[in-house]
Amino acid sequence: MNRKNLLQWLPLVAFAVVMLTDLRPVVLGGMQRALLATGLWKAEIPPQTAAVPVVPTSSAVYPHNLPLVSPEGKRLNLSELKGKVVFVNLWASWCPPCVAEMPGIQALYQKTDKSKVAFVMVSLDENPAKAQALLKRQGYTFPVYFPTGPLAAPFNSQSIPSTVILGPDGQLAARHDGMADYDTPEFKAALERLASN
């Protein structure tokens, strides 16, 4: 095989390596991350609520019972986050759009007041080790959980990534299906407004 033939086969071999290995979500996610950088896929901003503040009381029932478990085995139920704005993102390591939006979510997570806003990244990976490998490889520090049962509304999306924003009282404030760039000043301000109501 001469050099000319080798150069003709090289793109096909590279394509096959990317598409048939664990590099697929990383490469496609990187390409989609570049698309996110254009600003065409912005997250839906939670609407500004009425001037009457929502003050969670112990007698109010939190509307979501979503049992989760962390990679370390720590159990969490969304009802434990009552009083905080909750950013819930459904994702998987094999999903290129999920991988594409994660750097923006990580950046938002680092800029947000954790005493007012909780991040719950719900991995839908059947093999938790693959999700953990992606998180470790990319250095993500946001909290990740796995569902311990079926997902009820509003979390039972037919597509991923899917993001649900809950107000301090657990009411649905916003939902976005598909990838988006959450690391924007407008989205951060909307979360802070929601947390202060």
C-alpha atoms as a PDB file:
ATOM      1  CA  MET A   1       0.000   0.000   0.000  1.00  0.00           C
ATOM      2  CA  ASN A   2       1.520   3.290  -1.031  1.00  0.00           C
ATOM      3  CA  ARG A   3       1.229   6.677   0.665  1.00  0.00           C
ATOM      4  CA  LYS A   4      -1.540   7.902  -1.646  1.00  0.00           C
ATOM      5  CA  ASN A   5      -3.760   4.901  -0.846  1.00  0.00           C
ATOM      6  CA  LEU A   6      -3.038   5.297   2.862  1.00  0.00           C
ATOM      7  CA  LEU A   7      -4.097   8.961   2.766  1.00  0.00           C
ATOM      8  CA  GLN A   8      -7.327   8.018   0.988  1.00  0.00           C
ATOM      9  CA  TRP A   9      -8.240   5.479   3.677  1.00  0.00           C
ATOM     10  CA  LEU A  10      -7.178   7.610   6.642  1.00  0.00           C
ATOM     11  CA  PRO A  11     -10.399   9.709   6.901  1.00  0.00           C
ATOM     12  CA  LEU A  12     -12.547   6.584   6.725  1.00  0.00           C
ATOM     13  CA  VAL A  13     -10.489   4.855   9.409  1.00  0.00           C
ATOM     14  CA  ALA A  14     -10.574   7.956  11.632  1.00  0.00           C
ATOM     15  CA  PHE A  15     -14.355   8.211  11.173  1.00  0.00           C
ATOM     16  CA  ALA A  16     -14.780   4.521  12.060  1.00  0.00           C
ATOM     17  CA  VAL A  17     -12.590   4.863  15.165  1.00  0.00           C
ATOM     18  CA  VAL A  18     -14.603   7.853  16.384  1.00  0.00           C
ATOM     19  CA  MET A  19     -18.030   6.362  15.654  1.00  0.00           C
ATOM     20  CA  LEU A  20     -17.338   2.861  16.976  1.00  0.00           C
ATOM     21  CA  THR A  21     -15.487   3.676  20.202  1.00  0.00           C
ATOM     22  CA  ASP A  22     -16.028   5.639  23.398  1.00  0.00           C
ATOM     23  CA  LEU A  23     -14.646   8.671  21.542  1.00  0.00           C
ATOM     24  CA  ARG A  24     -18.010   9.161  19.784  1.00  0.00           C
ATOM     25  CA  PRO A  25     -19.780  11.207  22.501  1.00  0.00           C
ATOM     26  CA  VAL A  26     -16.610  13.182  23.220  1.00  0.00           C
ATOM     27  CA  VAL A  27     -15.972  14.170  19.591  1.00  0.00           C
ATOM     28  CA  LEU A  28     -19.623  14.782  18.707  1.00  0.00           C
ATOM     29  CA  GLY A  29     -20.123  16.581  22.021  1.00  0.00           C
ATOM     30  CA  GLY A  30     -17.179  18.851  21.220  1.00  0.00           C
ATOM     31  CA  MET A  31     -18.681  19.682  17.846  1.00  0.00           C
ATOM     32  CA  GLN A  32     -22.041  20.427  19.461  1.00  0.00           C
ATOM     33  CA  ARG A  33     -20.313  22.502  22.143  1.00  0.00           C
ATOM     34  CA  ALA A  34     -18.945  24.648  19.305  1.00  0.00           C
ATOM     35  CA  LEU A  35     -22.523  25.056  18.058  1.00  0.00           C
ATOM     36  CA  LEU A  36     -23.622  26.114  21.562  1.00  0.00           C
ATOM     37  CA  ALA A  37     -20.940  28.796  21.500  1.00  0.00           C
ATOM     38  CA  THR A  38     -22.802  30.477  18.627  1.00  0.00           C
ATOM     39  CA  GLY A  39     -25.540  31.467  21.105  1.00  0.00           C
ATOM     40  CA  LEU A  40     -28.343  29.890  19.079  1.00  0.00           C
ATOM     41  CA  TRP A  41     -29.266  27.382  21.811  1.00  0.00           C
ATOM     42  CA  LYS A  42     -30.011  29.426  24.910  1.00  0.00           C
ATOM     43  CA  ALA A  43     -31.796  27.993  27.884  1.00  0.00           C
ATOM     44  CA  GLU A  44     -35.342  29.027  28.641  1.00  0.00           C
ATOM     45  CA  ILE A  45     -35.169  31.598  31.416  1.00  0.00           C
ATOM     46  CA  PRO A  46     -37.526  30.960  34.326  1.00  0.00           C
ATOM     47  CA  PRO A  47     -40.166  33.712  34.294  1.00  0.00           C
ATOM     48  CA  GLN A  48     -40.066  36.363  36.959  1.00  0.00           C
ATOM     49  CA  THR A  49     -42.613  35.469  39.589  1.00  0.00           C
ATOM     50  CA  ALA A  50     -45.030  37.790  41.347  1.00  0.00           C
ATOM     51  CA  ALA A  51     -43.760  40.204  43.982  1.00  0.00           C
ATOM     52  CA  VAL A  52     -45.261  38.064  46.750  1.00  0.00           C
ATOM     53  CA  PRO A  53     -42.418  35.967  48.124  1.00  0.00           C
ATOM     54  CA  VAL A  54     -42.871  32.230  48.455  1.00  0.00           C
ATOM     55  CA  VAL A  55     -41.902  31.229  51.948  1.00  0.00           C
ATOM     56  CA  PRO A  56     -41.649  27.477  52.359  1.00  0.00           C
ATOM     57  CA  THR A  57     -43.334  26.223  55.490  1.00  0.00           C
ATOM     58  CA  SER A  58     -42.904  22.891  57.135  1.00  0.00           C
ATOM     59  CA  SER A  59     -46.604  22.111  56.665  1.00  0.00           C
ATOM     60  CA  ALA A  60     -46.506  22.568  52.867  1.00  0.00           C
ATOM     61  CA  VAL A  61     -46.127  19.337  50.923  1.00  0.00           C
ATOM     62  CA  TYR A  62     -43.266  19.249  48.442  1.00  0.00           C
ATOM     63  CA  PRO A  63     -44.697  18.050  45.135  1.00  0.00           C
ATOM     64  CA  HIS A  64     -41.827  15.822  44.014  1.00  0.00           C
ATOM     65  CA  ASN A  65     -40.808  12.504  45.474  1.00  0.00           C
ATOM     66  CA  LEU A  66     -37.788  11.535  43.382  1.00  0.00           C
ATOM     67  CA  PRO A  67     -35.463   9.069  45.135  1.00  0.00           C
ATOM     68  CA  LEU A  68     -31.878   9.172  43.889  1.00  0.00           C
ATOM     69  CA  VAL A  69     -28.523   7.705  44.843  1.00  0.00           C
ATOM     70  CA  SER A  70     -25.049   9.209  44.382  1.00  0.00           C
ATOM     71  CA  PRO A  71     -22.097   7.227  42.964  1.00  0.00           C
ATOM     72  CA  GLU A  72     -20.878   6.911  46.561  1.00  0.00           C
ATOM     73  CA  GLY A  73     -24.209   5.386  47.668  1.00  0.00           C
ATOM     74  CA  LYS A  74     -25.583   8.503  49.395  1.00  0.00           C
ATOM     75  CA  ARG A  75     -29.372   8.650  49.090  1.00  0.00           C
ATOM     76  CA  LEU A  76     -31.231  11.852  48.222  1.00  0.00           C
ATOM     77  CA  ASN A  77     -34.863  12.694  47.610  1.00  0.00           C
ATOM     78  CA  LEU A  78     -35.785  15.954  45.889  1.00  0.00           C
ATOM     79  CA  SER A  79     -38.153  16.663  48.759  1.00  0.00           C
ATOM     80  CA  GLU A  80     -35.047  17.195  50.933  1.00  0.00           C
ATOM     81  CA  LEU A  81     -34.206  20.252  48.809  1.00  0.00           C
ATOM     82  CA  LYS A  82     -37.375  22.125  49.766  1.00  0.00           C
ATOM     83  CA  GLY A  83     -36.637  25.831  50.086  1.00  0.00           C
ATOM     84  CA  LYS A  84     -33.997  25.878  47.332  1.00  0.00           C
ATOM     85  CA  VAL A  85     -34.245  26.403  43.611  1.00  0.00           C
ATOM     86  CA  VAL A  86     -33.403  23.024  42.069  1.00  0.00           C
ATOM     87  CA  PHE A  87     -31.642  22.659  38.710  1.00  0.00           C
ATOM     88  CA  VAL A  88     -32.301  19.070  37.549  1.00  0.00           C
ATOM     89  CA  ASN A  89     -30.534  17.883  34.399  1.00  0.00           C
ATOM     90  CA  LEU A  90     -31.170  14.449  32.858  1.00  0.00           C
ATOM     91  CA  TRP A  91     -28.181  13.221  30.869  1.00  0.00           C
ATOM     92  CA  ALA A  92     -26.081  10.203  29.860  1.00  0.00           C
ATOM     93  CA  SER A  93     -22.407   9.739  29.010  1.00  0.00           C
ATOM     94  CA  TRP A  94     -23.279   8.282  25.584  1.00  0.00           C
ATOM     95  CA  CYS A  95     -25.345  11.373  24.632  1.00  0.00           C
ATOM     96  CA  PRO A  96     -23.280  13.924  22.616  1.00  0.00           C
ATOM     97  CA  PRO A  97     -25.669  16.874  23.269  1.00  0.00           C
ATOM     98  CA  CYS A  98     -25.479  16.072  27.001  1.00  0.00           C
ATOM     99  CA  VAL A  99     -21.684  16.082  26.879  1.00  0.00           C
ATOM    100  CA  ALA A 100     -21.780  19.343  24.893  1.00  0.00           C
ATOM    101  CA  GLU A 101     -23.759  21.285  27.495  1.00  0.00           C
ATOM    102  CA  MET A 102     -21.886  20.010  30.558  1.00  0.00           C
ATOM    103  CA  PRO A 103     -19.052  22.604  30.542  1.00  0.00           C
ATOM    104  CA  GLY A 104     -21.678  25.371  30.698  1.00  0.00           C
ATOM    105  CA  ILE A 105     -23.525  23.637  33.535  1.00  0.00           C
ATOM    106  CA  GLN A 106     -20.241  23.205  35.429  1.00  0.00           C
ATOM    107  CA  ALA A 107     -19.450  26.907  34.969  1.00  0.00           C
ATOM    108  CA  LEU A 108     -22.933  27.901  36.188  1.00  0.00           C
ATOM    109  CA  TYR A 109     -22.612  25.529  39.148  1.00  0.00           C
ATOM    110  CA  GLN A 110     -19.347  27.173  40.195  1.00  0.00           C
ATOM    111  CA  LYS A 111     -20.891  30.675  40.054  1.00  0.00           C
ATOM    112  CA  THR A 112     -24.112  29.863  41.928  1.00  0.00           C
ATOM    113  CA  ASP A 113     -24.838  30.239  45.645  1.00  0.00           C
ATOM    114  CA  LYS A 114     -25.234  26.594  46.778  1.00  0.00           C
ATOM    115  CA  SER A 115     -27.219  27.672  49.844  1.00  0.00           C
ATOM    116  CA  LYS A 116     -29.997  28.901  47.509  1.00  0.00           C
ATOM    117  CA  VAL A 117     -29.661  26.760  44.375  1.00  0.00           C
ATOM    118  CA  ALA A 118     -29.164  22.975  44.307  1.00  0.00           C
ATOM    119  CA  PHE A 119     -27.849  21.141  41.256  1.00  0.00           C
ATOM    120  CA  VAL A 120     -29.031  17.579  40.674  1.00  0.00           C
ATOM    121  CA  MET A 121     -27.437  15.983  37.630  1.00  0.00           C
ATOM    122  CA  VAL A 122     -29.370  12.746  37.023  1.00  0.00           C
ATOM    123  CA  SER A 123     -27.395  10.225  34.981  1.00  0.00           C
ATOM    124  CA  LEU A 124     -29.490   7.798  32.944  1.00  0.00           C
ATOM    125  CA  ASP A 125     -26.485   5.592  32.168  1.00  0.00           C
ATOM    126  CA  GLU A 126     -27.215   1.899  32.623  1.00  0.00           C
ATOM    127  CA  ASN A 127     -23.577   1.475  33.616  1.00  0.00           C
ATOM    128  CA  PRO A 128     -22.759   4.023  36.363  1.00  0.00           C
ATOM    129  CA  ALA A 129     -19.035   3.408  35.865  1.00  0.00           C
ATOM    130  CA  LYS A 130     -19.222   5.026  32.395  1.00  0.00           C
ATOM    131  CA  ALA A 131     -20.848   8.141  33.845  1.00  0.00           C
ATOM    132  CA  GLN A 132     -18.245   8.311  36.606  1.00  0.00           C
ATOM    133  CA  ALA A 133     -15.419   7.904  34.090  1.00  0.00           C
ATOM    134  CA  LEU A 134     -16.714  10.851  32.048  1.00  0.00           C
ATOM    135  CA  LEU A 135     -17.055  13.039  35.149  1.00  0.00           C
ATOM    136  CA  LYS A 136     -13.562  12.193  36.345  1.00  0.00           C
ATOM    137  CA  ARG A 137     -12.008  12.663  32.896  1.00  0.00           C
ATOM    138  CA  GLN A 138     -13.595  16.111  32.500  1.00  0.00           C
ATOM    139  CA  GLY A 139     -13.111  17.200  36.130  1.00  0.00           C
ATOM    140  CA  TYR A 140     -16.778  18.011  36.775  1.00  0.00           C
ATOM    141  CA  THR A 141     -17.670  18.726  40.394  1.00  0.00           C
ATOM    142  CA  PHE A 142     -21.443  19.183  40.243  1.00  0.00           C
ATOM    143  CA  PRO A 143     -23.483  16.610  42.210  1.00  0.00           C
ATOM    144  CA  VAL A 144     -24.460  13.531  40.198  1.00  0.00           C
ATOM    145  CA  TYR A 145     -27.136  11.010  41.076  1.00  0.00           C
ATOM    146  CA  PHE A 146     -28.772   7.947  39.571  1.00  0.00           C
ATOM    147  CA  PRO A 147     -32.524   7.304  39.773  1.00  0.00           C
ATOM    148  CA  THR A 148     -33.571   4.392  41.958  1.00  0.00           C
ATOM    149  CA  GLY A 149     -36.904   3.944  40.193  1.00  0.00           C
ATOM    150  CA  PRO A 150     -38.988   5.236  37.311  1.00  0.00           C
ATOM    151  CA  LEU A 151     -39.028   8.967  36.682  1.00  0.00           C
ATOM    152  CA  ALA A 152     -42.368  10.688  37.207  1.00  0.00           C
ATOM    153  CA  ALA A 153     -43.506  13.962  35.630  1.00  0.00           C
ATOM    154  CA  PRO A 154     -41.963  16.460  35.038  1.00  0.00           C
ATOM    155  CA  PHE A 155     -38.759  14.399  34.841  1.00  0.00           C
ATOM    156  CA  ASN A 156     -39.927  11.644  32.490  1.00  0.00           C
ATOM    157  CA  SER A 157     -38.754  13.245  29.263  1.00  0.00           C
ATOM    158  CA  GLN A 158     -38.706  11.364  25.974  1.00  0.00           C
ATOM    159  CA  SER A 159     -35.369  12.968  25.090  1.00  0.00           C
ATOM    160  CA  ILE A 160     -32.119  13.947  26.722  1.00  0.00           C
ATOM    161  CA  PRO A 161     -30.618  16.226  27.716  1.00  0.00           C
ATOM    162  CA  SER A 162     -33.586  17.612  29.540  1.00  0.00           C
ATOM    163  CA  THR A 163     -33.484  20.259  32.244  1.00  0.00           C
ATOM    164  CA  VAL A 164     -36.145  21.052  34.830  1.00  0.00           C
ATOM    165  CA  ILE A 165     -35.984  24.092  37.121  1.00  0.00           C
ATOM    166  CA  LEU A 166     -38.014  23.905  40.322  1.00  0.00           C
ATOM    167  CA  GLY A 167     -38.810  26.882  42.526  1.00  0.00           C
ATOM    168  CA  PRO A 168     -38.169  26.829  46.288  1.00  0.00           C
ATOM    169  CA  ASP A 169     -41.679  25.420  46.790  1.00  0.00           C
ATOM    170  CA  GLY A 170     -41.020  22.611  44.299  1.00  0.00           C
ATOM    171  CA  GLN A 171     -43.264  24.051  41.611  1.00  0.00           C
ATOM    172  CA  LEU A 172     -42.095  23.801  38.003  1.00  0.00           C
ATOM    173  CA  ALA A 173     -40.509  27.123  37.003  1.00  0.00           C
ATOM    174  CA  ALA A 174     -39.020  26.131  33.628  1.00  0.00           C
ATOM    175  CA  ARG A 175     -38.216  23.135  31.475  1.00  0.00           C
ATOM    176  CA  HIS A 176     -35.941  22.755  28.465  1.00  0.00           C
ATOM    177  CA  ASP A 177     -35.647  19.609  26.339  1.00  0.00           C
ATOM    178  CA  GLY A 178     -32.492  19.446  24.249  1.00  0.00           C
ATOM    179  CA  MET A 179     -29.072  20.986  24.687  1.00  0.00           C
ATOM    180  CA  ALA A 180     -28.661  24.579  25.779  1.00  0.00           C
ATOM    181  CA  ASP A 181     -26.042  26.956  27.096  1.00  0.00           C
ATOM    182  CA  TYR A 182     -26.903  27.621  30.745  1.00  0.00           C
ATOM    183  CA  ASP A 183     -23.785  29.649  31.499  1.00  0.00           C
ATOM    184  CA  THR A 184     -25.271  33.043  30.648  1.00  0.00           C
ATOM    185  CA  PRO A 185     -25.668  36.091  32.892  1.00  0.00           C
ATOM    186  CA  GLU A 186     -29.397  36.140  32.109  1.00  0.00           C
ATOM    187  CA  PHE A 187     -29.954  32.534  33.194  1.00  0.00           C
ATOM    188  CA  LYS A 188     -27.904  32.983  36.377  1.00  0.00           C
ATOM    189  CA  ALA A 189     -29.875  36.167  37.220  1.00  0.00           C
ATOM    190  CA  ALA A 190     -33.160  34.327  36.650  1.00  0.00           C
ATOM    191  CA  LEU A 191     -32.115  31.560  39.054  1.00  0.00           C
ATOM    192  CA  GLU A 192     -31.132  34.149  41.654  1.00  0.00           C
ATOM    193  CA  ARG A 193     -34.461  35.983  41.264  1.00  0.00           C
ATOM    194  CA  LEU A 194     -36.330  32.719  41.643  1.00  0.00           C
ATOM    195  CA  ALA A 195     -34.311  31.856  44.759  1.00  0.00           C
ATOM    196  CA  SER A 196     -35.020  35.244  46.355  1.00  0.00           C
ATOM    197  CA  ASN A 197     -38.810  34.988  45.924  1.00  0.00           C
END
